[in-house]
Amino acid sequence: DKHVEAGNGDQVALIWQGEPLEESKTYTFSELLSEVNKAANVLKNLCVKKGDRITMYLPMIPELAIIMLACVRIGAIHSIVFGGFSADSVKDRIIDCEGKVLVTADGYYRSGKTIPQKKGADTAVEGLDMVEKVLVVKRVGIDVPWTEGRDVWYHEEYEKVDDKCDPEWLNAEDPLFILYTSGSTGKPKGVLHTIGGYMVYTTHSFKYIFDWHEGDVYWCTADIGWITGHSYIVYGPLSIGAASLMFESAPNYPYPDRCWQIVEKYGVN
């Protein structure tokens, strides 16, 4: 909102590069605001309200950034699970944070393979009455198992809403998101970040540690499923007005220097 209100809505906010070389999208701040508002209205139509926990199990596609920001806009708390984790890992995290809605995709690309994700998501929510809806983003166009009354397509719900959604006003110490540790040293622990402290920290550290300057094209190669991706793909860069690049695939597919091809293509500083 603040960048659009300041007259910078036409500046690039998010650059997305898919695994297939020909798949890419660029969002200005105005376009991103519109997409986030629409996603927020989709969530509201699924009866998501302030304080609800939303589990997200998605690949590195634009909808991951868009829907996580939509959660914040309506005061919901997102809990993102790395897209490569097992169904059991997703289930444990849903149970612990009492997730009301699960957001997933039909599938995703990884090093030339098409990985079915919805199937794992279904296994994760099996027997969990707390999960009222499963919101599915169409990424690869494969057939997926479907539970009528519970499962909804994101693109179908998206067509029903407009792009106006007033933000829910929250306090600095209200919860922003929960992110779980990997569990490699025992039971995963849910780390709760609050709005004010986290936003000040990520904005400040992004500006001074990464030495960002206006006009720079910035790329953090992490996955949004980890704290680095939360902080330095989404929150830090976007809060300050940077152009942030997100990449769907592995750094060595379809050839070893894919990273440098992307740097050259987008003029990454």
Protein backbone atom coordinates (compact mmCIF):
# COMPACT_ATOMS: atom_id res chain seq x y z
CA ASP A 1 0.00 0.00 0.00
CA LYS A 2 2.62 2.55 1.02
CA HIS A 3 4.57 2.27 -2.24
CA VAL A 4 1.40 2.63 -4.33
CA GLU A 5 0.21 5.59 -2.24
CA ALA A 6 3.63 7.23 -2.67
CA GLY A 7 3.24 7.06 -6.46
CA ASN A 8 5.64 4.15 -6.97
CA GLY A 9 3.01 1.60 -7.99
CA ASP A 10 4.60 1.10 -11.41
CA GLN A 11 7.93 -0.03 -9.94
CA VAL A 12 8.72 -3.75 -10.13
CA ALA A 13 8.00 -5.58 -6.88
CA LEU A 14 8.26 -9.28 -7.68
CA ILE A 15 9.97 -11.12 -10.53
CA TRP A 16 9.17 -14.81 -10.85
CA GLN A 17 11.10 -17.31 -12.94
CA GLY A 18 9.62 -20.78 -13.30
CA GLU A 19 11.57 -23.96 -13.95
CA PRO A 20 10.57 -24.01 -17.65
CA LEU A 21 12.78 -21.39 -19.31
CA GLU A 22 9.81 -19.71 -21.01
CA GLU A 23 7.73 -19.29 -17.83
CA SER A 24 8.12 -16.00 -16.00
CA LYS A 25 6.00 -13.20 -14.56
CA THR A 26 6.69 -9.70 -13.27
CA TYR A 27 4.45 -7.85 -10.82
CA THR A 28 4.58 -4.12 -10.12
CA PHE A 29 3.62 -2.93 -6.64
CA SER A 30 0.18 -1.94 -7.98
CA GLU A 31 -0.31 -5.36 -9.55
CA LEU A 32 0.91 -7.14 -6.44
CA LEU A 33 -1.47 -5.11 -4.25
CA SER A 34 -4.34 -6.08 -6.55
CA GLU A 35 -3.38 -9.78 -6.43
CA VAL A 36 -2.99 -9.74 -2.62
CA ASN A 37 -6.39 -8.06 -2.20
CA LYS A 38 -8.03 -10.67 -4.42
CA ALA A 39 -6.37 -13.51 -2.52
CA ALA A 40 -7.49 -11.92 0.75
CA ASN A 41 -11.09 -11.86 -0.49
CA VAL A 42 -10.79 -15.51 -1.54
CA LEU A 43 -9.71 -16.38 2.02
CA LYS A 44 -12.55 -14.30 3.49
CA ASN A 45 -15.02 -16.20 1.31
CA LEU A 46 -13.64 -19.38 2.89
CA CYS A 47 -14.60 -17.87 6.29
CA VAL A 48 -11.01 -17.09 7.27
CA LYS A 49 -10.91 -14.35 9.88
CA LYS A 50 -8.46 -12.52 12.16
CA GLY A 51 -6.48 -14.94 14.34
CA ASP A 52 -7.11 -18.05 12.19
CA ARG A 53 -4.07 -20.14 11.27
CA ILE A 54 -3.56 -20.98 7.60
CA THR A 55 -1.11 -23.72 6.63
CA MET A 56 0.59 -23.26 3.27
CA TYR A 57 2.21 -26.17 1.42
CA LEU A 58 3.23 -24.74 -1.94
CA PRO A 59 6.11 -24.70 -4.42
CA MET A 60 8.00 -21.51 -5.25
CA ILE A 61 5.26 -19.93 -7.35
CA PRO A 62 3.92 -16.34 -7.12
CA GLU A 63 0.79 -17.50 -5.27
CA LEU A 64 2.99 -18.48 -2.31
CA ALA A 65 4.07 -14.86 -1.79
CA ILE A 66 0.65 -13.48 -2.71
CA ILE A 67 -1.43 -15.70 -0.41
CA MET A 68 0.95 -15.32 2.55
CA LEU A 69 0.58 -11.53 2.26
CA ALA A 70 -3.19 -11.98 1.89
CA CYS A 71 -3.24 -13.81 5.23
CA VAL A 72 -1.56 -10.84 6.89
CA ARG A 73 -3.94 -8.38 5.24
CA ILE A 74 -6.94 -9.97 6.97
CA GLY A 75 -5.15 -10.67 10.25
CA ALA A 76 -4.76 -14.43 9.72
CA ILE A 77 -1.52 -16.14 10.75
CA HIS A 78 0.33 -18.08 8.06
CA SER A 79 2.32 -21.22 8.74
CA ILE A 80 4.34 -22.17 5.66
CA VAL A 81 5.66 -25.69 5.25
CA PHE A 82 8.52 -26.28 2.80
CA GLY A 83 7.03 -27.77 -0.38
CA GLY A 84 9.47 -30.68 -0.38
CA PHE A 85 8.46 -31.94 3.08
CA SER A 86 6.53 -35.19 3.58
CA ALA A 87 2.80 -35.47 4.30
CA ASP A 88 3.60 -36.46 7.90
CA SER A 89 5.63 -33.27 8.38
CA VAL A 90 2.71 -31.20 7.09
CA LYS A 91 0.23 -33.05 9.31
CA ASP A 92 2.32 -32.50 12.46
CA ARG A 93 2.50 -28.77 11.78
CA ILE A 94 -1.23 -28.46 11.03
CA ILE A 95 -2.09 -30.22 14.29
CA ASP A 96 0.32 -28.12 16.34
CA CYS A 97 -0.84 -24.72 15.02
CA GLU A 98 -4.49 -25.82 14.60
CA GLY A 99 -4.62 -24.87 10.94
CA LYS A 100 -8.11 -24.10 9.64
CA VAL A 101 -7.29 -24.02 5.92
CA LEU A 102 -4.55 -25.77 3.92
CA VAL A 103 -3.30 -24.08 0.76
CA THR A 104 -1.52 -26.37 -1.70
CA ALA A 105 -0.94 -26.93 -5.43
CA ASP A 106 -1.85 -29.69 -7.86
CA GLY A 107 1.86 -30.30 -8.39
CA TYR A 108 5.17 -28.66 -9.28
CA TYR A 109 8.27 -29.04 -11.42
CA ARG A 110 11.57 -30.18 -9.97
CA SER A 111 14.61 -30.88 -12.16
CA GLY A 112 12.50 -32.00 -15.11
CA LYS A 113 10.05 -34.09 -13.09
CA THR A 114 6.43 -33.26 -12.30
CA ILE A 115 5.83 -33.86 -8.58
CA PRO A 116 2.18 -34.37 -7.47
CA GLN A 117 1.63 -32.22 -4.36
CA LYS A 118 -2.13 -32.43 -3.81
CA LYS A 119 -1.87 -36.16 -3.15
CA GLY A 120 0.53 -35.53 -0.25
CA ALA A 121 -1.66 -32.70 1.02
CA ASP A 122 -4.66 -35.08 1.12
CA THR A 123 -2.65 -37.58 3.16
CA ALA A 124 -1.67 -34.77 5.55
CA VAL A 125 -5.25 -33.70 6.28
CA GLU A 126 -6.69 -37.21 6.51
CA GLY A 127 -8.71 -37.48 9.72
CA LEU A 128 -8.12 -33.82 10.68
CA ASP A 129 -11.55 -32.28 11.33
CA MET A 130 -9.94 -28.91 12.12
CA VAL A 131 -9.11 -28.43 8.40
CA GLU A 132 -12.29 -26.99 6.90
CA LYS A 133 -11.03 -26.19 3.39
CA VAL A 134 -8.17 -27.17 1.08
CA LEU A 135 -7.43 -24.36 -1.39
CA VAL A 136 -5.65 -25.70 -4.49
CA VAL A 137 -3.54 -23.64 -6.88
CA LYS A 138 -3.31 -25.04 -10.41
CA ARG A 139 0.37 -25.08 -11.31
CA VAL A 140 1.05 -28.00 -13.67
CA GLY A 141 -2.45 -29.06 -14.79
CA ILE A 142 -2.42 -32.68 -13.67
CA ASP A 143 -5.43 -34.66 -12.46
CA VAL A 144 -5.74 -34.60 -8.68
CA PRO A 145 -7.84 -36.45 -6.09
CA TRP A 146 -10.78 -34.30 -5.00
CA THR A 147 -13.03 -34.12 -1.94
CA GLU A 148 -16.26 -32.29 -2.74
CA GLY A 149 -17.27 -29.68 -0.17
CA ARG A 150 -13.74 -29.40 1.20
CA ASP A 151 -11.47 -28.80 -1.80
CA VAL A 152 -11.68 -25.60 -3.84
CA TRP A 153 -9.69 -24.36 -6.83
CA TYR A 154 -7.94 -21.05 -6.26
CA HIS A 155 -8.43 -19.90 -9.87
CA GLU A 156 -12.19 -20.50 -9.63
CA GLU A 157 -12.54 -18.60 -6.35
CA TYR A 158 -10.28 -15.85 -7.74
CA GLU A 159 -12.81 -15.15 -10.52
CA LYS A 160 -15.55 -14.44 -7.95
CA VAL A 161 -13.83 -11.59 -6.08
CA ASP A 162 -12.72 -8.00 -6.69
CA ASP A 163 -9.37 -6.45 -5.80
CA LYS A 164 -10.53 -4.18 -2.98
CA CYS A 165 -9.86 -5.36 0.57
CA ASP A 166 -9.24 -3.02 3.49
CA PRO A 167 -6.46 -4.28 5.75
CA GLU A 168 -7.19 -5.49 9.26
CA TRP A 169 -5.48 -3.12 11.69
CA LEU A 170 -3.25 -4.96 14.15
CA ASN A 171 -0.94 -4.13 17.02
CA ALA A 172 2.86 -4.37 16.88
CA GLU A 173 2.83 -7.40 19.20
CA ASP A 174 0.06 -9.29 17.38
CA PRO A 175 1.17 -12.54 15.70
CA LEU A 176 2.40 -12.32 12.09
CA PHE A 177 3.30 -15.94 11.34
CA ILE A 178 4.40 -19.26 12.79
CA LEU A 179 7.32 -21.10 11.20
CA TYR A 180 8.49 -24.50 12.39
CA THR A 181 12.05 -25.65 12.83
CA SER A 182 13.06 -28.50 10.53
CA GLY A 183 12.79 -31.17 13.23
CA SER A 184 16.26 -32.55 12.55
CA THR A 185 17.10 -32.20 16.27
CA GLY A 186 13.80 -33.48 17.70
CA LYS A 187 10.18 -32.42 17.57
CA PRO A 188 9.73 -29.35 15.32
CA LYS A 189 9.20 -26.16 17.32
CA GLY A 190 6.83 -23.48 16.12
CA VAL A 191 8.52 -20.07 16.26
CA LEU A 192 6.04 -17.19 16.47
CA HIS A 193 7.03 -13.84 14.97
CA THR A 194 5.08 -10.69 15.80
CA ILE A 195 4.31 -7.88 13.37
CA GLY A 196 6.22 -4.83 14.61
CA GLY A 197 9.54 -6.30 15.67
CA TYR A 198 9.82 -8.61 12.69
CA MET A 199 9.04 -5.94 10.11
CA VAL A 200 11.46 -3.43 11.64
CA TYR A 201 14.17 -6.09 11.78
CA THR A 202 13.76 -7.39 8.23
CA THR A 203 13.49 -3.92 6.69
CA HIS A 204 16.50 -2.60 8.59
CA SER A 205 18.70 -5.64 8.04
CA PHE A 206 17.78 -5.88 4.35
CA LYS A 207 18.75 -2.26 3.75
CA TYR A 208 22.03 -2.28 5.62
CA ILE A 209 23.32 -5.87 5.48
CA PHE A 210 22.56 -6.39 1.78
CA ASP A 211 23.37 -2.72 0.99
CA TRP A 212 20.32 -2.37 -1.25
CA HIS A 213 20.01 0.80 -3.32
CA GLU A 214 17.06 2.01 -5.34
CA GLY A 215 17.00 0.42 -8.78
CA ASP A 216 18.90 -2.72 -7.73
CA VAL A 217 17.49 -6.08 -8.81
CA TYR A 218 17.84 -8.40 -5.85
CA TRP A 219 17.73 -12.20 -5.71
CA CYS A 220 17.60 -14.37 -2.61
CA THR A 221 17.93 -18.00 -3.77
CA ALA A 222 16.37 -19.48 -0.63
CA ASP A 223 12.92 -21.11 -0.53
CA ILE A 224 10.11 -19.13 1.08
CA GLY A 225 9.45 -22.28 3.15
CA TRP A 226 12.42 -21.29 5.35
CA ILE A 227 12.91 -18.17 7.49
CA THR A 228 15.48 -16.76 5.05
CA GLY A 229 12.83 -16.79 2.31
CA HIS A 230 10.21 -15.20 4.56
CA SER A 231 12.60 -12.41 5.55
CA TYR A 232 14.61 -11.79 2.40
CA ILE A 233 12.38 -12.74 -0.52
CA VAL A 234 9.11 -11.30 0.76
CA TYR A 235 9.02 -9.07 3.83
CA GLY A 236 12.35 -7.20 3.83
CA PRO A 237 12.61 -6.35 0.12
CA LEU A 238 8.93 -5.53 -0.41
CA SER A 239 8.67 -3.34 2.69
CA ILE A 240 11.53 -1.17 1.46
CA GLY A 241 10.42 -1.11 -2.20
CA ALA A 242 12.96 -3.44 -3.80
CA ALA A 243 12.51 -5.64 -6.88
CA SER A 244 12.72 -9.18 -5.45
CA LEU A 245 13.32 -12.23 -7.63
CA MET A 246 11.95 -15.68 -6.79
CA PHE A 247 12.93 -18.87 -8.66
CA GLU A 248 10.96 -22.11 -8.74
CA SER A 249 13.57 -24.72 -9.53
CA ALA A 250 16.99 -26.18 -8.72
CA PRO A 251 20.12 -24.10 -9.45
CA ASN A 252 21.58 -26.72 -11.81
CA TYR A 253 18.59 -27.48 -14.07
CA PRO A 254 18.49 -27.74 -17.04
CA TYR A 255 22.21 -26.90 -17.05
CA PRO A 256 24.87 -26.25 -14.37
CA ASP A 257 24.96 -22.47 -14.78
CA ARG A 258 21.21 -21.82 -14.57
CA CYS A 259 21.78 -19.32 -11.74
CA TRP A 260 24.04 -17.17 -13.90
CA GLN A 261 21.63 -17.34 -16.82
CA ILE A 262 18.95 -15.85 -14.51
CA VAL A 263 21.35 -13.19 -13.21
CA GLU A 264 22.09 -12.18 -16.80
CA LYS A 265 18.43 -12.33 -17.94
CA TYR A 266 17.14 -10.02 -15.20
CA GLY A 267 20.22 -7.88 -14.56
CA VAL A 268 20.54 -9.03 -10.95
CA ASN A 269 22.91 -6.78 -9.02
